[in-house]
Amino acid sequence: MSHHWTRRQWLVTTSTAVVGNCLVGSVPVRAVEAPTAPVAIARCQRYGPELLPTMERMFDQLGGIERLVKGKTVALKLNLTGSPDYRLGYLPVGLAQWVHPNVIGTLVHLLDKAGAHRIRLLESPWPTAEPLEEYMLQANWEPRNFLGAARCVEFENTNFLGRGKQYSRFRVPGKSLMFPAYDLNHSYEDCDVFVSVAKLKEHLTAGVTLSMKNC
């Protein structure tokens, strides 16, 4: 006999099962402690002028970013999932499935202000090898806004070789489960600092995509 479960029912049932499995004789099983790092959280109602002071304050709360990026090449992995012509009603992509362009521009400005030598905007936009700038233009973005936010900004479509002559090979540490190494665009190796820019959004298959990003 088959049953159709809603996503909410599935989450409630599985989470209850997980909690039950973690209890042995009413004594919680101690989890392995994960490494910790400072986290900054702030509310910003709009993507307007208030975005800059909000992000500045958050970076200050983390201890500043100058020590991390000064004189270095910083790679920003953008979150531009889905075609530029996808729409959630009448909303532009920056208010739906893509990271907002003002977040990118503000981040680029603050990295430049902190002394970053070079800032690369990276993304693998759908199955295309066209320049990343062209992909942005299809969403009515103006790539020159990002170029004007810092002294040295570059774009790279990381689907293929891009401006590189060969791929960089990243070996899996320890014992690999499937492949011992992966060949990726050179930009993921040719950087001193890697930042993956988050986008909190819903997903057709997974429900809610909580894009946790690291730097």
Protein backbone atom coordinates (compact mmCIF):
# COMPACT_ATOMS: atom_id res chain seq x y z
CA MET A 1 0.00 0.00 0.00
CA SER A 2 1.57 3.31 -1.09
CA HIS A 3 1.26 6.65 0.70
CA HIS A 4 1.91 10.14 -0.63
CA TRP A 5 3.82 12.16 1.93
CA THR A 6 4.24 15.89 1.87
CA ARG A 7 7.71 17.32 2.39
CA ARG A 8 6.68 18.57 5.83
CA GLN A 9 5.49 15.09 6.88
CA TRP A 10 8.72 13.55 5.66
CA LEU A 11 10.86 16.06 7.58
CA VAL A 12 8.90 15.56 10.80
CA THR A 13 9.06 11.75 10.56
CA THR A 14 12.74 11.51 9.67
CA SER A 15 13.84 14.09 12.24
CA THR A 16 11.94 12.19 14.94
CA ALA A 17 13.65 8.96 13.87
CA VAL A 18 17.07 10.61 14.00
CA VAL A 19 16.47 11.93 17.51
CA GLY A 20 15.25 8.50 18.60
CA ASN A 21 18.34 6.79 17.24
CA CYS A 22 20.57 9.21 19.12
CA LEU A 23 19.04 8.24 22.46
CA VAL A 24 20.27 5.06 24.12
CA GLY A 25 18.64 4.31 27.46
CA SER A 26 17.53 7.96 27.63
CA VAL A 27 21.18 9.02 27.58
CA PRO A 28 22.10 11.25 24.61
CA VAL A 29 25.00 10.04 22.49
CA ARG A 30 27.75 12.64 22.60
CA ALA A 31 28.43 14.10 19.14
CA VAL A 32 31.90 14.84 17.87
CA GLU A 33 32.66 18.50 18.44
CA ALA A 34 33.03 20.43 15.19
CA PRO A 35 35.66 23.15 14.76
CA THR A 36 34.36 26.63 15.47
CA ALA A 37 34.94 30.02 13.89
CA PRO A 38 33.47 33.50 14.40
CA VAL A 39 30.11 34.10 12.73
CA ALA A 40 28.42 37.44 12.05
CA ILE A 41 24.65 37.76 11.44
CA ALA A 42 22.82 40.99 10.63
CA ARG A 43 19.44 42.03 9.30
CA CYS A 44 19.33 44.20 6.21
CA GLN A 45 15.85 45.00 4.91
CA ARG A 46 16.88 46.03 1.39
CA TYR A 47 19.70 45.78 -1.13
CA GLY A 48 20.11 49.54 -1.18
CA PRO A 49 22.58 51.96 0.49
CA GLU A 50 22.15 50.23 3.84
CA LEU A 51 23.90 47.13 2.49
CA LEU A 52 27.41 48.66 2.62
CA PRO A 53 27.44 49.69 6.32
CA THR A 54 25.79 46.40 7.26
CA MET A 55 28.44 44.30 5.54
CA GLU A 56 31.22 46.53 6.85
CA ARG A 57 29.98 46.01 10.40
CA MET A 58 29.77 42.26 9.91
CA PHE A 59 33.36 42.06 8.65
CA ASP A 60 34.48 44.14 11.63
CA GLN A 61 32.70 41.71 13.95
CA LEU A 62 34.67 38.89 12.36
CA GLY A 63 37.91 40.67 13.15
CA GLY A 64 38.35 42.41 9.81
CA ILE A 65 39.33 40.98 6.43
CA GLU A 66 42.49 42.97 5.67
CA ARG A 67 44.70 40.34 7.32
CA LEU A 68 43.10 37.73 5.08
CA VAL A 69 43.07 39.43 1.66
CA LYS A 70 45.66 42.23 1.59
CA GLY A 71 47.97 41.87 -1.40
CA LYS A 72 46.31 38.60 -2.46
CA THR A 73 44.23 37.18 -5.29
CA VAL A 74 40.67 36.57 -4.08
CA ALA A 75 38.31 34.24 -5.97
CA LEU A 76 34.58 34.81 -5.51
CA LYS A 77 32.44 31.81 -6.47
CA LEU A 78 29.08 33.35 -7.32
CA ASN A 79 25.73 31.60 -6.95
CA LEU A 80 24.06 32.09 -10.36
CA THR A 81 22.19 28.80 -10.57
CA GLY A 82 19.70 28.49 -13.41
CA SER A 83 19.19 30.25 -16.70
CA PRO A 84 19.12 34.09 -16.71
CA ASP A 85 15.60 34.04 -18.17
CA TYR A 86 14.11 31.97 -15.34
CA ARG A 87 11.60 34.06 -13.41
CA LEU A 88 9.78 33.73 -10.12
CA GLY A 89 6.67 35.65 -11.11
CA TYR A 90 7.87 39.12 -12.07
CA LEU A 91 10.90 39.16 -9.76
CA PRO A 92 14.37 39.62 -11.24
CA VAL A 93 16.79 36.74 -10.73
CA GLY A 94 18.69 38.65 -8.02
CA LEU A 95 15.59 38.55 -5.82
CA ALA A 96 14.94 34.88 -6.52
CA GLN A 97 17.53 32.23 -7.41
CA TRP A 98 20.69 34.29 -8.02
CA VAL A 99 22.78 36.14 -5.48
CA HIS A 100 21.88 39.84 -5.67
CA PRO A 101 24.25 41.96 -7.79
CA ASN A 102 24.51 44.59 -5.05
CA VAL A 103 25.86 41.95 -2.68
CA ILE A 104 28.54 41.09 -5.23
CA GLY A 105 29.41 44.73 -5.92
CA THR A 106 29.57 45.62 -2.23
CA LEU A 107 31.74 42.60 -1.46
CA VAL A 108 34.09 43.45 -4.32
CA HIS A 109 34.37 47.04 -3.03
CA LEU A 110 35.11 45.94 0.53
CA LEU A 111 37.71 43.42 -0.59
CA ASP A 112 39.41 46.12 -2.63
CA LYS A 113 39.25 48.51 0.31
CA ALA A 114 40.91 45.82 2.45
CA GLY A 115 43.82 45.67 0.00
CA ALA A 116 43.04 42.70 -2.25
CA HIS A 117 45.44 42.68 -5.20
CA ARG A 118 43.08 40.97 -7.66
CA ILE A 119 39.46 39.85 -7.45
CA ARG A 120 38.10 37.13 -9.74
CA LEU A 121 34.37 36.53 -10.20
CA LEU A 122 33.83 32.83 -10.94
CA GLU A 123 30.84 30.76 -11.95
CA SER A 124 29.96 27.75 -14.11
CA PRO A 125 26.88 29.18 -15.83
CA TRP A 126 24.70 26.36 -17.09
CA PRO A 127 26.14 24.37 -20.08
CA THR A 128 27.81 27.27 -21.85
CA ALA A 129 31.35 28.39 -22.56
CA GLU A 130 30.43 31.99 -23.29
CA PRO A 131 32.11 34.74 -21.22
CA LEU A 132 30.62 35.21 -17.78
CA GLU A 133 29.98 38.86 -18.61
CA GLU A 134 27.71 37.83 -21.50
CA TYR A 135 25.78 35.53 -19.19
CA MET A 136 25.23 38.40 -16.76
CA LEU A 137 24.05 40.70 -19.54
CA GLN A 138 21.28 38.21 -20.34
CA ALA A 139 19.90 38.86 -16.85
CA ASN A 140 20.07 42.65 -17.47
CA TRP A 141 23.09 42.98 -15.20
CA GLU A 142 25.82 45.47 -16.03
CA PRO A 143 29.26 43.82 -15.61
CA ARG A 144 30.96 47.24 -15.72
CA ASN A 145 29.44 47.95 -12.30
CA PHE A 146 31.61 45.19 -10.86
CA LEU A 147 34.66 46.39 -12.78
CA GLY A 148 34.18 49.85 -11.29
CA ALA A 149 33.88 48.54 -7.72
CA ALA A 150 37.60 47.69 -7.42
CA ARG A 151 40.96 48.32 -9.08
CA CYS A 152 41.44 44.84 -10.55
CA VAL A 153 38.39 42.68 -11.27
CA GLU A 154 38.35 39.70 -13.63
CA PHE A 155 35.58 37.37 -14.84
CA GLU A 156 35.99 33.66 -15.51
CA ASN A 157 33.53 31.08 -16.79
CA THR A 158 34.80 27.98 -15.00
CA ASN A 159 32.77 25.47 -17.01
CA PHE A 160 35.79 24.89 -19.24
CA LEU A 161 39.38 26.11 -19.57
CA GLY A 162 38.44 29.77 -19.80
CA ARG A 163 41.60 31.83 -20.05
CA GLY A 164 43.76 28.98 -18.80
CA LYS A 165 45.83 26.63 -20.96
CA GLN A 166 45.20 23.53 -18.88
CA TYR A 167 43.04 22.30 -16.02
CA SER A 168 44.26 22.12 -12.44
CA ARG A 169 44.10 18.70 -10.81
CA PHE A 170 42.77 18.55 -7.26
CA ARG A 171 43.47 15.26 -5.53
CA VAL A 172 41.08 13.93 -2.93
CA PRO A 173 42.78 13.77 0.48
CA GLY A 174 42.87 10.37 2.11
CA LYS A 175 40.93 7.49 0.58
CA SER A 176 38.58 8.62 -2.18
CA LEU A 177 35.10 7.10 -2.49
CA MET A 178 34.77 7.44 -6.26
CA PHE A 179 37.49 9.42 -8.05
CA PRO A 180 41.03 10.03 -6.78
CA ALA A 181 41.16 13.52 -8.29
CA TYR A 182 39.14 16.15 -10.14
CA ASP A 183 40.23 18.46 -12.97
CA LEU A 184 38.90 21.99 -12.50
CA ASN A 185 39.40 25.44 -14.00
CA HIS A 186 42.73 26.99 -13.08
CA SER A 187 41.07 29.84 -11.18
CA TYR A 188 40.18 27.55 -8.28
CA GLU A 189 43.88 26.90 -7.72
CA ASP A 190 45.28 30.23 -8.88
CA CYS A 191 44.02 32.16 -5.86
CA ASP A 192 45.14 32.87 -2.32
CA VAL A 193 41.66 33.25 -0.82
CA PHE A 194 38.49 31.49 -1.96
CA VAL A 195 35.05 32.92 -1.06
CA SER A 196 31.80 31.19 -1.99
CA VAL A 197 28.94 33.70 -1.94
CA ALA A 198 25.76 32.39 -0.33
CA LYS A 199 22.18 32.50 -1.58
CA LEU A 200 19.34 31.34 0.66
CA LYS A 201 16.55 30.11 -1.62
CA GLU A 202 13.93 27.48 -2.26
CA HIS A 203 14.60 24.57 -4.57
CA LEU A 204 12.19 22.61 -6.78
CA THR A 205 13.62 19.26 -5.68
CA ALA A 206 15.21 19.88 -2.28
CA GLY A 207 12.66 22.34 -0.87
CA VAL A 208 14.97 24.82 0.84
CA THR A 209 18.57 25.29 -0.30
CA LEU A 210 20.67 26.52 2.62
CA SER A 211 23.80 27.41 0.70
CA MET A 212 26.47 27.41 3.39
CA LYS A 213 29.57 29.14 2.03
CA ASN A 214 33.12 29.33 3.28
CA CYS A 215 36.04 31.67 2.97
